[in-house]
Protein backbone atom coordinates (compact mmCIF):
# COMPACT_ATOMS: atom_id res chain seq x y z
CA MET A 1 -9.59 143.13 200.04
CA SER A 2 -10.50 144.39 196.60
CA TYR A 3 -13.81 142.57 196.19
CA GLN A 4 -16.37 140.53 198.11
CA ARG A 5 -15.38 136.88 197.79
CA VAL A 6 -17.87 134.03 197.56
CA ILE A 7 -16.79 130.54 198.61
CA PRO A 8 -16.18 128.12 196.93
CA ARG A 9 -16.27 129.94 193.54
CA ASP A 10 -13.60 132.51 194.36
CA LEU A 11 -11.32 129.96 196.03
CA PHE A 12 -11.19 128.09 192.73
CA ASN A 13 -10.79 131.27 190.65
CA GLU A 14 -7.95 132.61 192.79
CA ALA A 15 -6.23 129.22 193.08
CA ASN A 16 -6.27 128.92 189.29
CA LEU A 17 -4.87 132.45 188.95
CA LEU A 18 -1.99 131.59 191.31
CA LYS A 19 -1.37 128.32 189.43
CA CYS A 20 -1.06 130.27 186.17
CA TYR A 21 1.36 132.81 187.65
CA GLY A 22 3.44 129.98 189.11
CA GLN A 23 3.58 128.21 185.75
CA LEU A 24 4.64 131.45 184.09
CA CYS A 25 7.49 131.85 186.59
CA LEU A 26 8.72 128.34 185.78
CA LYS A 27 8.47 128.89 182.02
CA LEU A 28 10.27 132.24 182.19
CA GLU A 29 13.17 130.52 183.95
CA ILE A 30 13.48 128.18 180.96
CA TYR A 31 13.48 131.14 178.56
CA ALA A 32 15.88 133.10 180.79
CA CYS A 33 16.27 136.54 179.33
CA LYS A 34 17.57 139.69 180.93
CA ASN A 35 14.83 141.71 179.22
CA ILE A 36 11.94 139.81 180.87
CA GLU A 37 11.09 140.20 184.54
CA LEU A 38 8.26 139.17 186.82
CA ARG A 39 8.61 141.50 189.80
CA HIS A 40 6.75 141.23 193.11
CA TYR A 41 6.16 144.30 195.26
CA GLY A 42 5.29 143.68 198.91
CA ASN A 43 5.06 140.70 201.22
CA HIS A 44 1.80 139.11 200.07
CA PHE A 45 -0.17 138.84 196.85
CA VAL A 46 -2.84 141.48 196.32
CA ILE A 47 -5.51 139.83 194.19
CA GLU A 48 -7.90 142.30 192.63
CA GLN A 49 -10.93 142.09 190.43
CA ASN A 50 -11.41 144.36 187.43
CA GLU A 51 -14.67 146.25 187.90
CA ASP A 52 -15.44 146.28 184.17
CA ASP A 53 -15.12 142.61 183.23
CA GLY A 54 -14.61 140.74 186.52
CA SER A 55 -11.17 139.43 185.55
CA LEU A 56 -8.64 138.72 188.30
CA THR A 57 -5.05 139.92 188.54
CA ILE A 58 -2.30 140.07 191.12
CA PHE A 59 -1.95 143.81 191.50
CA ASN A 60 1.54 143.77 192.99
CA LEU A 61 3.14 141.25 190.64
CA GLN A 62 4.25 142.94 187.45
CA LEU A 63 5.41 141.51 184.12
CA ARG A 64 7.97 143.69 182.39
CA ILE A 65 9.18 142.84 178.89
CA ARG A 66 11.99 145.17 177.97
CA SER A 67 10.65 148.58 179.00
CA LYS A 68 6.93 147.77 178.72
CA ILE A 69 4.70 146.65 181.58
CA TYR A 70 1.96 144.11 180.90
CA ARG A 71 -1.05 143.34 183.06
CA LEU A 72 -1.57 139.63 183.57
CA PHE A 73 -5.16 138.55 184.16
CA ARG A 74 -7.50 135.60 184.33
CA PRO A 75 -11.04 135.97 182.95
CA LEU A 76 -13.73 135.51 185.60
CA ASN A 77 -15.06 131.97 185.98
CA SER A 78 -13.01 130.66 183.06
CA ARG A 79 -13.18 126.88 182.62
CA GLU A 80 -9.94 126.76 180.63
CA PRO A 81 -7.04 124.90 182.30
CA TRP A 82 -4.51 127.76 181.86
CA PRO A 83 -6.57 130.96 181.36
CA LEU A 84 -3.89 133.65 181.67
CA TYR A 85 -3.61 136.66 179.37
CA ALA A 86 -1.12 139.50 179.05
CA GLN A 87 -2.44 142.93 178.24
CA GLU A 88 -0.51 145.97 177.07
CA ALA A 89 -1.52 149.53 177.95
CA ASP A 90 -3.19 149.93 174.54
CA TYR A 91 -5.36 146.92 175.41
CA ALA A 92 -3.75 144.51 172.95
CA GLU A 93 -3.99 141.01 174.49
CA TRP A 94 -1.96 137.83 174.21
CA GLN A 95 -2.97 134.39 175.45
CA VAL A 96 -0.07 133.25 177.64
CA PHE A 97 -0.61 129.47 177.62
CA THR A 98 -1.84 126.66 175.44
CA ASP A 99 -4.34 124.17 176.90
CA ASP A 100 -1.33 122.00 177.85
CA GLY A 101 0.26 124.72 180.03
CA GLU A 102 3.00 125.56 177.53
CA LEU A 103 3.72 129.12 176.44
CA SER A 104 1.57 129.96 173.43
CA ALA A 105 3.13 130.83 170.06
CA GLU A 106 1.71 134.35 170.27
CA PHE A 107 3.18 134.91 173.74
CA LEU A 108 6.58 133.50 172.68
CA GLU A 109 6.49 135.96 169.78
CA LEU A 110 5.82 138.79 172.23
CA LEU A 111 8.78 137.68 174.37
CA SER A 112 11.11 137.58 171.36
CA ARG A 113 10.23 140.99 169.86
């Protein structure tokens, strides 16, 4: 376990994180592209909390767009319905979803580069 969980807060935070990853999987199937991959390593999901900002990520589920790897994360205690972001190694960030659970224009642009 990567951090001390507090119930019910962290149940909601982690459930929302999993919901966002699931929605991304479904949306990526629609935009099927050989250069985009969401790859899972291991048998279970390893949810970790970033020590700097408290954001949550699934450590062993990796988004690869062409040859670059992006960290997907959910800000801590976000009240947004679909609060998932993609972050590149240089710390550039893209909001993955709109409030309606559709892929955002900025994320679609990232996928099409």
